[in-house]
């Protein structure tokens, strides 16, 4: 919205809130590494394609953000894998 004051015309940016949670997927480690290095997409255990981002690892900020994809979690647990 623009100010009607001729001496101080300012543009006010409305606040935008994005409440969509970050969804973290499970994928093969080598595919995630390749995605980070080469920029290629990764297919998660649930079948969704995504672009992996660097900076991960145990205890990283990304571990605390978002939720784990429930379908990936189901497939992961059915493989007998443990965290």
C-alpha atoms as a PDB file:
ATOM      1  CA  UNK A   1       0.000   0.000   0.000  1.00  0.00           C
ATOM      2  CA  UNK A   2       1.311   3.458  -0.857  1.00  0.00           C
ATOM      3  CA  UNK A   3       1.250   6.371   1.549  1.00  0.00           C
ATOM      4  CA  UNK A   4      -0.773   9.401   0.456  1.00  0.00           C
ATOM      5  CA  UNK A   5       1.761  11.734   2.117  1.00  0.00           C
ATOM      6  CA  UNK A   6       3.612  13.504  -0.732  1.00  0.00           C
ATOM      7  CA  UNK A   7       6.698  14.129   1.416  1.00  0.00           C
ATOM      8  CA  UNK A   8       7.227  10.511   2.403  1.00  0.00           C
ATOM      9  CA  UNK A   9       5.910   8.143  -0.229  1.00  0.00           C
ATOM     10  CA  UNK A  10       6.613   4.677   1.132  1.00  0.00           C
ATOM     11  CA  UNK A  11       5.747   1.205   0.064  1.00  0.00           C
ATOM     12  CA  UNK A  12       4.527  -1.055   2.837  1.00  0.00           C
ATOM     13  CA  UNK A  13       4.979  -4.763   2.314  1.00  0.00           C
ATOM     14  CA  UNK A  14       2.154  -6.838   3.776  1.00  0.00           C
ATOM     15  CA  UNK A  15       3.190  -9.642   6.089  1.00  0.00           C
ATOM     16  CA  UNK A  16       3.119 -13.014   4.415  1.00  0.00           C
ATOM     17  CA  UNK A  17       2.998 -16.126   6.546  1.00  0.00           C
ATOM     18  CA  UNK A  18       3.785 -19.502   5.048  1.00  0.00           C
ATOM     19  CA  UNK A  19       2.515 -22.132   7.434  1.00  0.00           C
ATOM     20  CA  UNK A  20       3.165 -25.075   5.113  1.00  0.00           C
ATOM     21  CA  UNK A  21       5.420 -27.448   7.028  1.00  0.00           C
ATOM     22  CA  UNK A  22       8.676 -28.602   5.513  1.00  0.00           C
ATOM     23  CA  UNK A  23       8.321 -32.271   4.609  1.00  0.00           C
ATOM     24  CA  UNK A  24      11.479 -34.358   4.895  1.00  0.00           C
ATOM     25  CA  UNK A  25      11.760 -37.492   2.774  1.00  0.00           C
ATOM     26  CA  UNK A  26      13.835 -40.655   3.035  1.00  0.00           C
ATOM     27  CA  UNK A  27      16.019 -41.663   0.080  1.00  0.00           C
ATOM     28  CA  UNK A  28      19.190 -43.629  -0.582  1.00  0.00           C
ATOM     29  CA  UNK A  29      22.264 -41.877   0.786  1.00  0.00           C
ATOM     30  CA  UNK A  30      24.236 -42.018  -2.479  1.00  0.00           C
ATOM     31  CA  UNK A  31      21.286 -40.505  -4.378  1.00  0.00           C
ATOM     32  CA  UNK A  32      21.067 -37.628  -1.922  1.00  0.00           C
ATOM     33  CA  UNK A  33      24.816 -37.004  -2.253  1.00  0.00           C
ATOM     34  CA  UNK A  34      24.571 -37.068  -6.047  1.00  0.00           C
ATOM     35  CA  UNK A  35      21.623 -34.678  -5.925  1.00  0.00           C
ATOM     36  CA  UNK A  36      23.547 -32.191  -3.796  1.00  0.00           C
ATOM     37  CA  UNK A  37      26.662 -32.363  -5.993  1.00  0.00           C
ATOM     38  CA  UNK A  38      25.105 -32.673  -9.457  1.00  0.00           C
ATOM     39  CA  UNK A  39      21.778 -30.943  -8.869  1.00  0.00           C
ATOM     40  CA  UNK A  40      19.802 -33.938 -10.069  1.00  0.00           C
ATOM     41  CA  UNK A  41      16.440 -34.840  -8.509  1.00  0.00           C
ATOM     42  CA  UNK A  42      16.079 -37.697  -6.025  1.00  0.00           C
ATOM     43  CA  UNK A  43      13.194 -40.120  -5.827  1.00  0.00           C
ATOM     44  CA  UNK A  44      12.123 -40.584  -2.216  1.00  0.00           C
ATOM     45  CA  UNK A  45      10.911 -43.897  -0.801  1.00  0.00           C
ATOM     46  CA  UNK A  46       7.351 -42.596  -1.222  1.00  0.00           C
ATOM     47  CA  UNK A  47       7.933 -41.986  -4.944  1.00  0.00           C
ATOM     48  CA  UNK A  48       8.045 -38.199  -4.838  1.00  0.00           C
ATOM     49  CA  UNK A  49      10.883 -36.466  -6.689  1.00  0.00           C
ATOM     50  CA  UNK A  50      12.692 -33.711  -4.807  1.00  0.00           C
ATOM     51  CA  UNK A  51      15.897 -31.680  -4.928  1.00  0.00           C
ATOM     52  CA  UNK A  52      18.203 -32.482  -2.010  1.00  0.00           C
ATOM     53  CA  UNK A  53      19.790 -29.532  -0.231  1.00  0.00           C
ATOM     54  CA  UNK A  54      23.229 -29.505   1.378  1.00  0.00           C
ATOM     55  CA  UNK A  55      23.938 -28.806   5.008  1.00  0.00           C
ATOM     56  CA  UNK A  56      22.263 -31.928   6.325  1.00  0.00           C
ATOM     57  CA  UNK A  57      23.632 -34.460   8.710  1.00  0.00           C
ATOM     58  CA  UNK A  58      22.887 -35.559  12.200  1.00  0.00           C
ATOM     59  CA  UNK A  59      22.045 -32.647  14.472  1.00  0.00           C
ATOM     60  CA  UNK A  60      21.665 -30.176  11.608  1.00  0.00           C
ATOM     61  CA  UNK A  61      19.097 -27.417  11.561  1.00  0.00           C
ATOM     62  CA  UNK A  62      17.118 -29.275   8.901  1.00  0.00           C
ATOM     63  CA  UNK A  63      16.594 -32.149  11.362  1.00  0.00           C
ATOM     64  CA  UNK A  64      14.616 -29.825  13.613  1.00  0.00           C
ATOM     65  CA  UNK A  65      12.521 -28.300  10.825  1.00  0.00           C
ATOM     66  CA  UNK A  66       9.414 -29.844   9.358  1.00  0.00           C
ATOM     67  CA  UNK A  67       7.985 -33.300   9.568  1.00  0.00           C
ATOM     68  CA  UNK A  68       8.954 -36.658   8.081  1.00  0.00           C
ATOM     69  CA  UNK A  69       6.789 -37.751   5.170  1.00  0.00           C
ATOM     70  CA  UNK A  70       4.425 -40.355   6.661  1.00  0.00           C
ATOM     71  CA  UNK A  71       4.574 -42.554   3.551  1.00  0.00           C
ATOM     72  CA  UNK A  72       8.398 -42.503   3.564  1.00  0.00           C
ATOM     73  CA  UNK A  73       8.358 -43.381   7.272  1.00  0.00           C
ATOM     74  CA  UNK A  74       6.050 -46.351   6.612  1.00  0.00           C
ATOM     75  CA  UNK A  75       8.234 -47.681   3.785  1.00  0.00           C
ATOM     76  CA  UNK A  76      11.388 -47.129   5.848  1.00  0.00           C
ATOM     77  CA  UNK A  77       9.989 -49.039   8.827  1.00  0.00           C
ATOM     78  CA  UNK A  78       8.741 -51.874   6.595  1.00  0.00           C
ATOM     79  CA  UNK A  79      12.322 -52.353   5.338  1.00  0.00           C
ATOM     80  CA  UNK A  80      13.351 -53.233   8.880  1.00  0.00           C
ATOM     81  CA  UNK A  81      15.657 -50.229   9.063  1.00  0.00           C
ATOM     82  CA  UNK A  82      16.245 -48.611  12.412  1.00  0.00           C
ATOM     83  CA  UNK A  83      17.244 -45.058  13.150  1.00  0.00           C
END
